[in-house]
Amino acid sequence: MANHKSSVKRIRQTQKNRLHNRYYAKTARNAVRTLRATKEADAAASLLPQVAAMLDKLAKRNMIHKNKASNLKSKLAKHVNKLSK
């Protein structure tokens, strides 16, 4: 157990933030998964901006690396463009 009040508080904050971050990261992962599974061009084209915004927010808040976010967005854009052809 922690010996200082500040470290006890930090543990509480870390647990709270971890749950918060897990929710947003999991939501974004599920959105990426659904976009990859989409076979219709129109639905995929409408989902892409929403998923890209989610990934950008995760990168901005340092939940994922900014290069990972851009790599995912690039791959998803390729997927959507392939569907529309």
PDB file of N, CA and C in Angstrom:
ATOM      1  N   MET A   1       0.848  -1.192   0.000  1.00  0.00           N
ATOM      2  CA  MET A   1       0.000   0.000   0.000  1.00  0.00           C
ATOM      3  C   MET A   1       0.881   1.238   0.000  1.00  0.00           C
ATOM      4  N   ALA A   2       0.407   2.280  -0.660  1.00  0.00           N
ATOM      5  CA  ALA A   2       1.170   3.517  -0.749  1.00  0.00           C
ATOM      6  C   ALA A   2       1.230   4.215   0.598  1.00  0.00           C
ATOM      7  N   ASN A   3       2.322   4.921   0.818  1.00  0.00           N
ATOM      8  CA  ASN A   3       2.538   5.571   2.100  1.00  0.00           C
ATOM      9  C   ASN A   3       2.144   7.039   2.118  1.00  0.00           C
ATOM     10  N   HIS A   4       2.033   7.664   0.973  1.00  0.00           N
ATOM     11  CA  HIS A   4       1.747   9.094   0.917  1.00  0.00           C
ATOM     12  C   HIS A   4       0.331   9.338   0.421  1.00  0.00           C
ATOM     13  N   LYS A   5      -0.263  10.416   0.927  1.00  0.00           N
ATOM     14  CA  LYS A   5      -1.608  10.777   0.470  1.00  0.00           C
ATOM     15  C   LYS A   5      -1.625  11.028  -1.034  1.00  0.00           C
ATOM     16  N   SER A   6      -0.576  11.688  -1.493  1.00  0.00           N
ATOM     17  CA  SER A   6      -0.535  12.025  -2.921  1.00  0.00           C
ATOM     18  C   SER A   6      -0.449  10.779  -3.788  1.00  0.00           C
ATOM     19  N   SER A   7       0.276   9.757  -3.335  1.00  0.00           N
ATOM     20  CA  SER A   7       0.372   8.534  -4.141  1.00  0.00           C
ATOM     21  C   SER A   7      -0.933   7.742  -4.097  1.00  0.00           C
ATOM     22  N   VAL A   8      -1.655   7.809  -2.990  1.00  0.00           N
ATOM     23  CA  VAL A   8      -2.966   7.156  -2.916  1.00  0.00           C
ATOM     24  C   VAL A   8      -3.925   7.822  -3.894  1.00  0.00           C
ATOM     25  N   LYS A   9      -3.882   9.154  -3.920  1.00  0.00           N
ATOM     26  CA  LYS A   9      -4.733   9.890  -4.850  1.00  0.00           C
ATOM     27  C   LYS A   9      -4.338   9.583  -6.291  1.00  0.00           C
ATOM     28  N   ARG A  10      -3.059   9.510  -6.548  1.00  0.00           N
ATOM     29  CA  ARG A  10      -2.588   9.216  -7.905  1.00  0.00           C
ATOM     30  C   ARG A  10      -3.071   7.828  -8.355  1.00  0.00           C
ATOM     31  N   ILE A  11      -3.077   6.865  -7.445  1.00  0.00           N
ATOM     32  CA  ILE A  11      -3.573   5.521  -7.769  1.00  0.00           C
ATOM     33  C   ILE A  11      -5.051   5.577  -8.139  1.00  0.00           C
ATOM     34  N   ARG A  12      -5.825   6.341  -7.360  1.00  0.00           N
ATOM     35  CA  ARG A  12      -7.249   6.492  -7.670  1.00  0.00           C
ATOM     36  C   ARG A  12      -7.450   7.126  -9.041  1.00  0.00           C
ATOM     37  N   GLN A  13      -6.689   8.179  -9.309  1.00  0.00           N
ATOM     38  CA  GLN A  13      -6.827   8.871 -10.589  1.00  0.00           C
ATOM     39  C   GLN A  13      -6.439   7.965 -11.759  1.00  0.00           C
ATOM     40  N   THR A  14      -5.390   7.195 -11.559  1.00  0.00           N
ATOM     41  CA  THR A  14      -4.917   6.316 -12.619  1.00  0.00           C
ATOM     42  C   THR A  14      -5.955   5.259 -12.952  1.00  0.00           C
ATOM     43  N   GLN A  15      -6.584   4.691 -11.939  1.00  0.00           N
ATOM     44  CA  GLN A  15      -7.614   3.683 -12.178  1.00  0.00           C
ATOM     45  C   GLN A  15      -8.799   4.280 -12.941  1.00  0.00           C
ATOM     46  N   LYS A  16      -9.194   5.469 -12.531  1.00  0.00           N
ATOM     47  CA  LYS A  16     -10.313   6.141 -13.182  1.00  0.00           C
ATOM     48  C   LYS A  16      -9.979   6.461 -14.638  1.00  0.00           C
ATOM     49  N   ASN A  17      -8.791   7.001 -14.869  1.00  0.00           N
ATOM     50  CA  ASN A  17      -8.389   7.351 -16.225  1.00  0.00           C
ATOM     51  C   ASN A  17      -8.223   6.114 -17.101  1.00  0.00           C
ATOM     52  N   ARG A  18      -7.746   5.027 -16.501  1.00  0.00           N
ATOM     53  CA  ARG A  18      -7.559   3.796 -17.257  1.00  0.00           C
ATOM     54  C   ARG A  18      -8.892   3.277 -17.780  1.00  0.00           C
ATOM     55  N   LEU A  19      -9.919   3.291 -16.933  1.00  0.00           N
ATOM     56  CA  LEU A  19     -11.244   2.859 -17.371  1.00  0.00           C
ATOM     57  C   LEU A  19     -11.783   3.760 -18.478  1.00  0.00           C
ATOM     58  N   HIS A  20     -11.587   5.055 -18.306  1.00  0.00           N
ATOM     59  CA  HIS A  20     -12.037   6.042 -19.280  1.00  0.00           C
ATOM     60  C   HIS A  20     -11.356   5.800 -20.626  1.00  0.00           C
ATOM     61  N   ASN A  21     -10.038   5.627 -20.594  1.00  0.00           N
ATOM     62  CA  ASN A  21      -9.282   5.428 -21.832  1.00  0.00           C
ATOM     63  C   ASN A  21      -9.625   4.094 -22.485  1.00  0.00           C
ATOM     64  N   ARG A  22      -9.837   3.060 -21.672  1.00  0.00           N
ATOM     65  CA  ARG A  22     -10.182   1.753 -22.209  1.00  0.00           C
ATOM     66  C   ARG A  22     -11.482   1.802 -22.988  1.00  0.00           C
ATOM     67  N   TYR A  23     -12.452   2.550 -22.474  1.00  0.00           N
ATOM     68  CA  TYR A  23     -13.746   2.671 -23.144  1.00  0.00           C
ATOM     69  C   TYR A  23     -13.573   3.281 -24.533  1.00  0.00           C
ATOM     70  N   TYR A  24     -12.864   4.393 -24.628  1.00  0.00           N
ATOM     71  CA  TYR A  24     -12.720   5.069 -25.911  1.00  0.00           C
ATOM     72  C   TYR A  24     -11.865   4.270 -26.879  1.00  0.00           C
ATOM     73  N   ALA A  25     -10.834   3.614 -26.386  1.00  0.00           N
ATOM     74  CA  ALA A  25      -9.988   2.807 -27.262  1.00  0.00           C
ATOM     75  C   ALA A  25     -10.766   1.609 -27.789  1.00  0.00           C
ATOM     76  N   LYS A  26     -11.537   0.966 -26.942  1.00  0.00           N
ATOM     77  CA  LYS A  26     -12.319  -0.197 -27.360  1.00  0.00           C
ATOM     78  C   LYS A  26     -13.399   0.209 -28.355  1.00  0.00           C
ATOM     79  N   THR A  27     -14.037   1.347 -28.124  1.00  0.00           N
ATOM     80  CA  THR A  27     -15.061   1.839 -29.035  1.00  0.00           C
ATOM     81  C   THR A  27     -14.470   2.092 -30.421  1.00  0.00           C
ATOM     82  N   ALA A  28     -13.294   2.692 -30.452  1.00  0.00           N
ATOM     83  CA  ALA A  28     -12.645   2.968 -31.736  1.00  0.00           C
ATOM     84  C   ALA A  28     -12.236   1.673 -32.427  1.00  0.00           C
ATOM     85  N   ARG A  29     -11.722   0.711 -31.676  1.00  0.00           N
ATOM     86  CA  ARG A  29     -11.344  -0.574 -32.268  1.00  0.00           C
ATOM     87  C   ARG A  29     -12.561  -1.273 -32.873  1.00  0.00           C
ATOM     88  N   ASN A  30     -13.678  -1.218 -32.170  1.00  0.00           N
ATOM     89  CA  ASN A  30     -14.907  -1.829 -32.699  1.00  0.00           C
ATOM     90  C   ASN A  30     -15.374  -1.115 -33.964  1.00  0.00           C
ATOM     91  N   ALA A  31     -15.224   0.205 -34.000  1.00  0.00           N
ATOM     92  CA  ALA A  31     -15.621   0.969 -35.178  1.00  0.00           C
ATOM     93  C   ALA A  31     -14.744   0.599 -36.369  1.00  0.00           C
ATOM     94  N   VAL A  32     -13.448   0.430 -36.142  1.00  0.00           N
ATOM     95  CA  VAL A  32     -12.536   0.015 -37.209  1.00  0.00           C
ATOM     96  C   VAL A  32     -12.932  -1.374 -37.709  1.00  0.00           C
ATOM     97  N   ARG A  33     -13.256  -2.249 -36.775  1.00  0.00           N
ATOM     98  CA  ARG A  33     -13.630  -3.620 -37.129  1.00  0.00           C
ATOM     99  C   ARG A  33     -14.909  -3.628 -37.989  1.00  0.00           C
ATOM    100  N   THR A  34     -15.897  -2.818 -37.610  1.00  0.00           N
ATOM    101  CA  THR A  34     -17.138  -2.795 -38.386  1.00  0.00           C
ATOM    102  C   THR A  34     -16.914  -2.192 -39.770  1.00  0.00           C
ATOM    103  N   LEU A  35     -16.043  -1.183 -39.855  1.00  0.00           N
ATOM    104  CA  LEU A  35     -15.753  -0.577 -41.157  1.00  0.00           C
ATOM    105  C   LEU A  35     -15.051  -1.577 -42.060  1.00  0.00           C
ATOM    106  N   ARG A  36     -14.125  -2.350 -41.513  1.00  0.00           N
ATOM    107  CA  ARG A  36     -13.442  -3.359 -42.319  1.00  0.00           C
ATOM    108  C   ARG A  36     -14.403  -4.447 -42.783  1.00  0.00           C
ATOM    109  N   ALA A  37     -15.403  -4.745 -41.977  1.00  0.00           N
ATOM    110  CA  ALA A  37     -16.353  -5.807 -42.317  1.00  0.00           C
ATOM    111  C   ALA A  37     -17.425  -5.335 -43.291  1.00  0.00           C
ATOM    112  N   THR A  38     -17.556  -4.027 -43.481  1.00  0.00           N
ATOM    113  CA  THR A  38     -18.588  -3.483 -44.365  1.00  0.00           C
ATOM    114  C   THR A  38     -18.255  -3.791 -45.819  1.00  0.00           C
ATOM    115  N   LYS A  39     -19.233  -4.277 -46.538  1.00  0.00           N
ATOM    116  CA  LYS A  39     -19.043  -4.624 -47.951  1.00  0.00           C
ATOM    117  C   LYS A  39     -19.724  -3.639 -48.898  1.00  0.00           C
ATOM    118  N   GLU A  40     -20.575  -2.756 -48.375  1.00  0.00           N
ATOM    119  CA  GLU A  40     -21.287  -1.791 -49.211  1.00  0.00           C
ATOM    120  C   GLU A  40     -20.493  -0.489 -49.274  1.00  0.00           C
ATOM    121  N   ALA A  41     -20.333   0.037 -50.462  1.00  0.00           N
ATOM    122  CA  ALA A  41     -19.515   1.224 -50.670  1.00  0.00           C
ATOM    123  C   ALA A  41     -20.113   2.455 -49.987  1.00  0.00           C
ATOM    124  N   ASP A  42     -21.428   2.620 -50.076  1.00  0.00           N
ATOM    125  CA  ASP A  42     -22.065   3.806 -49.500  1.00  0.00           C
ATOM    126  C   ASP A  42     -21.941   3.825 -47.979  1.00  0.00           C
ATOM    127  N   ALA A  43     -22.195   2.691 -47.367  1.00  0.00           N
ATOM    128  CA  ALA A  43     -22.109   2.609 -45.908  1.00  0.00           C
ATOM    129  C   ALA A  43     -20.679   2.833 -45.436  1.00  0.00           C
ATOM    130  N   ALA A  44     -19.734   2.266 -46.161  1.00  0.00           N
ATOM    131  CA  ALA A  44     -18.329   2.418 -45.780  1.00  0.00           C
ATOM    132  C   ALA A  44     -17.883   3.871 -45.942  1.00  0.00           C
ATOM    133  N   ALA A  45     -18.327   4.522 -47.007  1.00  0.00           N
ATOM    134  CA  ALA A  45     -17.951   5.917 -47.243  1.00  0.00           C
ATOM    135  C   ALA A  45     -18.520   6.837 -46.166  1.00  0.00           C
ATOM    136  N   SER A  46     -19.686   6.509 -45.648  1.00  0.00           N
ATOM    137  CA  SER A  46     -20.267   7.351 -44.602  1.00  0.00           C
ATOM    138  C   SER A  46     -19.635   7.069 -43.235  1.00  0.00           C
ATOM    139  N   LEU A  47     -19.147   5.846 -43.044  1.00  0.00           N
ATOM    140  CA  LEU A  47     -18.503   5.496 -41.767  1.00  0.00           C
ATOM    141  C   LEU A  47     -17.082   6.021 -41.655  1.00  0.00           C
ATOM    142  N   LEU A  48     -16.388   6.138 -42.779  1.00  0.00           N
ATOM    143  CA  LEU A  48     -14.968   6.494 -42.760  1.00  0.00           C
ATOM    144  C   LEU A  48     -14.658   7.796 -42.024  1.00  0.00           C
ATOM    145  N   PRO A  49     -15.371   8.900 -42.257  1.00  0.00           N
ATOM    146  CA  PRO A  49     -15.046  10.132 -41.523  1.00  0.00           C
ATOM    147  C   PRO A  49     -15.232  10.004 -40.014  1.00  0.00           C
ATOM    148  N   GLN A  50     -16.241   9.256 -39.595  1.00  0.00           N
ATOM    149  CA  GLN A  50     -16.476   9.069 -38.157  1.00  0.00           C
ATOM    150  C   GLN A  50     -15.339   8.285 -37.519  1.00  0.00           C
ATOM    151  N   VAL A  51     -14.909   7.225 -38.187  1.00  0.00           N
ATOM    152  CA  VAL A  51     -13.833   6.395 -37.644  1.00  0.00           C
ATOM    153  C   VAL A  51     -12.520   7.171 -37.647  1.00  0.00           C
ATOM    154  N   ALA A  52     -12.278   7.950 -38.690  1.00  0.00           N
ATOM    155  CA  ALA A  52     -11.064   8.754 -38.756  1.00  0.00           C
ATOM    156  C   ALA A  52     -11.030   9.782 -37.627  1.00  0.00           C
ATOM    157  N   ALA A  53     -12.170  10.373 -37.318  1.00  0.00           N
ATOM    158  CA  ALA A  53     -12.238  11.335 -36.217  1.00  0.00           C
ATOM    159  C   ALA A  53     -11.944  10.654 -34.884  1.00  0.00           C
ATOM    160  N   MET A  54     -12.482   9.444 -34.700  1.00  0.00           N
ATOM    161  CA  MET A  54     -12.213   8.696 -33.468  1.00  0.00           C
ATOM    162  C   MET A  54     -10.716   8.430 -33.309  1.00  0.00           C
ATOM    163  N   LEU A  55     -10.076   8.004 -34.398  1.00  0.00           N
ATOM    164  CA  LEU A  55      -8.650   7.696 -34.344  1.00  0.00           C
ATOM    165  C   LEU A  55      -7.831   8.959 -34.084  1.00  0.00           C
ATOM    166  N   ASP A  56      -8.233  10.067 -34.687  1.00  0.00           N
ATOM    167  CA  ASP A  56      -7.521  11.324 -34.452  1.00  0.00           C
ATOM    168  C   ASP A  56      -7.621  11.753 -32.992  1.00  0.00           C
ATOM    169  N   LYS A  57      -8.794  11.566 -32.398  1.00  0.00           N
ATOM    170  CA  LYS A  57      -8.964  11.938 -30.986  1.00  0.00           C
ATOM    171  C   LYS A  57      -8.115  11.060 -30.082  1.00  0.00           C
ATOM    172  N   LEU A  58      -8.046   9.761 -30.402  1.00  0.00           N
ATOM    173  CA  LEU A  58      -7.201   8.870 -29.607  1.00  0.00           C
ATOM    174  C   LEU A  58      -5.738   9.281 -29.706  1.00  0.00           C
ATOM    175  N   ALA A  59      -5.316   9.659 -30.900  1.00  0.00           N
ATOM    176  CA  ALA A  59      -3.930  10.072 -31.084  1.00  0.00           C
ATOM    177  C   ALA A  59      -3.656  11.395 -30.375  1.00  0.00           C
ATOM    178  N   LYS A  60      -4.629  12.296 -30.415  1.00  0.00           N
ATOM    179  CA  LYS A  60      -4.451  13.593 -29.764  1.00  0.00           C
ATOM    180  C   LYS A  60      -4.298  13.445 -28.257  1.00  0.00           C
ATOM    181  N   ARG A  61      -5.028  12.466 -27.701  1.00  0.00           N
ATOM    182  CA  ARG A  61      -4.975  12.247 -26.252  1.00  0.00           C
ATOM    183  C   ARG A  61      -3.914  11.232 -25.845  1.00  0.00           C
ATOM    184  N   ASN A  62      -3.062  10.851 -26.790  1.00  0.00           N
ATOM    185  CA  ASN A  62      -1.950   9.922 -26.554  1.00  0.00           C
ATOM    186  C   ASN A  62      -2.401   8.546 -26.084  1.00  0.00           C
ATOM    187  N   MET A  63      -3.580   8.109 -26.504  1.00  0.00           N
ATOM    188  CA  MET A  63      -4.007   6.749 -26.203  1.00  0.00           C
ATOM    189  C   MET A  63      -3.412   5.785 -27.207  1.00  0.00           C
ATOM    190  N   ILE A  64      -3.233   6.254 -28.448  1.00  0.00           N
ATOM    191  CA  ILE A  64      -2.477   5.507 -29.441  1.00  0.00           C
ATOM    192  C   ILE A  64      -1.485   6.472 -30.080  1.00  0.00           C
ATOM    193  N   HIS A  65      -0.468   5.936 -30.710  1.00  0.00           N
ATOM    194  CA  HIS A  65       0.550   6.786 -31.346  1.00  0.00           C
ATOM    195  C   HIS A  65      -0.030   7.430 -32.594  1.00  0.00           C
ATOM    196  N   LYS A  66       0.421   8.633 -32.906  1.00  0.00           N
ATOM    197  CA  LYS A  66      -0.145   9.348 -34.059  1.00  0.00           C
ATOM    198  C   LYS A  66       0.151   8.636 -35.370  1.00  0.00           C
ATOM    199  N   ASN A  67       1.293   7.942 -35.452  1.00  0.00           N
ATOM    200  CA  ASN A  67       1.591   7.191 -36.673  1.00  0.00           C
ATOM    201  C   ASN A  67       0.675   5.986 -36.824  1.00  0.00           C
ATOM    202  N   LYS A  68       0.324   5.358 -35.716  1.00  0.00           N
ATOM    203  CA  LYS A  68      -0.612   4.227 -35.775  1.00  0.00           C
ATOM    204  C   LYS A  68      -1.968   4.705 -36.269  1.00  0.00           C
ATOM    205  N   ALA A  69      -2.387   5.860 -35.787  1.00  0.00           N
ATOM    206  CA  ALA A  69      -3.672   6.412 -36.222  1.00  0.00           C
ATOM    207  C   ALA A  69      -3.646   6.698 -37.722  1.00  0.00           C
ATOM    208  N   SER A  70      -2.564   7.284 -38.209  1.00  0.00           N
ATOM    209  CA  SER A  70      -2.497   7.612 -39.630  1.00  0.00           C
ATOM    210  C   SER A  70      -2.385   6.355 -40.478  1.00  0.00           C
ATOM    211  N   ASN A  71      -1.678   5.339 -39.986  1.00  0.00           N
ATOM    212  CA  ASN A  71      -1.597   4.077 -40.726  1.00  0.00           C
ATOM    213  C   ASN A  71      -2.968   3.415 -40.827  1.00  0.00           C
ATOM    214  N   LEU A  72      -3.709   3.412 -39.732  1.00  0.00           N
ATOM    215  CA  LEU A  72      -5.050   2.821 -39.749  1.00  0.00           C
ATOM    216  C   LEU A  72      -5.965   3.587 -40.702  1.00  0.00           C
ATOM    217  N   LYS A  73      -5.906   4.915 -40.644  1.00  0.00           N
ATOM    218  CA  LYS A  73      -6.754   5.723 -41.517  1.00  0.00           C
ATOM    219  C   LYS A  73      -6.420   5.474 -42.986  1.00  0.00           C
ATOM    220  N   SER A  74      -5.142   5.326 -43.283  1.00  0.00           N
ATOM    221  CA  SER A  74      -4.720   5.070 -44.655  1.00  0.00           C
ATOM    222  C   SER A  74      -5.239   3.730 -45.149  1.00  0.00           C
ATOM    223  N   LYS A  75      -5.096   2.693 -44.320  1.00  0.00           N
ATOM    224  CA  LYS A  75      -5.567   1.362 -44.709  1.00  0.00           C
ATOM    225  C   LYS A  75      -7.084   1.342 -44.885  1.00  0.00           C
ATOM    226  N   LEU A  76      -7.787   2.055 -44.006  1.00  0.00           N
ATOM    227  CA  LEU A  76      -9.243   2.092 -44.114  1.00  0.00           C
ATOM    228  C   LEU A  76      -9.681   2.849 -45.369  1.00  0.00           C
ATOM    229  N   ALA A  77      -8.966   3.914 -45.698  1.00  0.00           N
ATOM    230  CA  ALA A  77      -9.289   4.673 -46.906  1.00  0.00           C
ATOM    231  C   ALA A  77      -9.069   3.812 -48.145  1.00  0.00           C
ATOM    232  N   LYS A  78      -8.002   3.023 -48.148  1.00  0.00           N
ATOM    233  CA  LYS A  78      -7.765   2.100 -49.265  1.00  0.00           C
ATOM    234  C   LYS A  78      -8.898   1.102 -49.390  1.00  0.00           C
ATOM    235  N   HIS A  79      -9.345   0.592 -48.242  1.00  0.00           N
ATOM    236  CA  HIS A  79     -10.435  -0.379 -48.233  1.00  0.00           C
ATOM    237  C   HIS A  79     -11.711   0.231 -48.818  1.00  0.00           C
ATOM    238  N   VAL A  80     -12.023   1.454 -48.414  1.00  0.00           N
ATOM    239  CA  VAL A  80     -13.243   2.122 -48.887  1.00  0.00           C
ATOM    240  C   VAL A  80     -13.129   2.415 -50.389  1.00  0.00           C
ATOM    241  N   ASN A  81     -11.945   2.854 -50.815  1.00  0.00           N
ATOM    242  CA  ASN A  81     -11.769   3.149 -52.246  1.00  0.00           C
ATOM    243  C   ASN A  81     -11.870   1.884 -53.101  1.00  0.00           C
ATOM    244  N   LYS A  82     -11.386   0.770 -52.565  1.00  0.00           N
ATOM    245  CA  LYS A  82     -11.463  -0.499 -53.295  1.00  0.00           C
ATOM    246  C   LYS A  82     -12.925  -0.941 -53.453  1.00  0.00           C
ATOM    247  N   LEU A  83     -13.748  -0.641 -52.421  1.00  0.00           N
ATOM    248  CA  LEU A  83     -15.160  -1.017 -52.494  1.00  0.00           C
ATOM    249  C   LEU A  83     -15.904  -0.203 -53.543  1.00  0.00           C
ATOM    250  N   SER A  84     -15.518   1.056 -53.704  1.00  0.00           N
ATOM    251  CA  SER A  84     -16.267   1.932 -54.611  1.00  0.00           C
ATOM    252  C   SER A  84     -15.954   1.675 -56.088  1.00  0.00           C
ATOM    253  N   LYS A  85     -14.892   0.905 -56.373  1.00  0.00           N
ATOM    254  CA  LYS A  85     -14.549   0.630 -57.776  1.00  0.00           C
ATOM    255  C   LYS A  85     -15.362  -0.491 -58.346  1.00  0.00           C
TER     256      LYS A  85
END
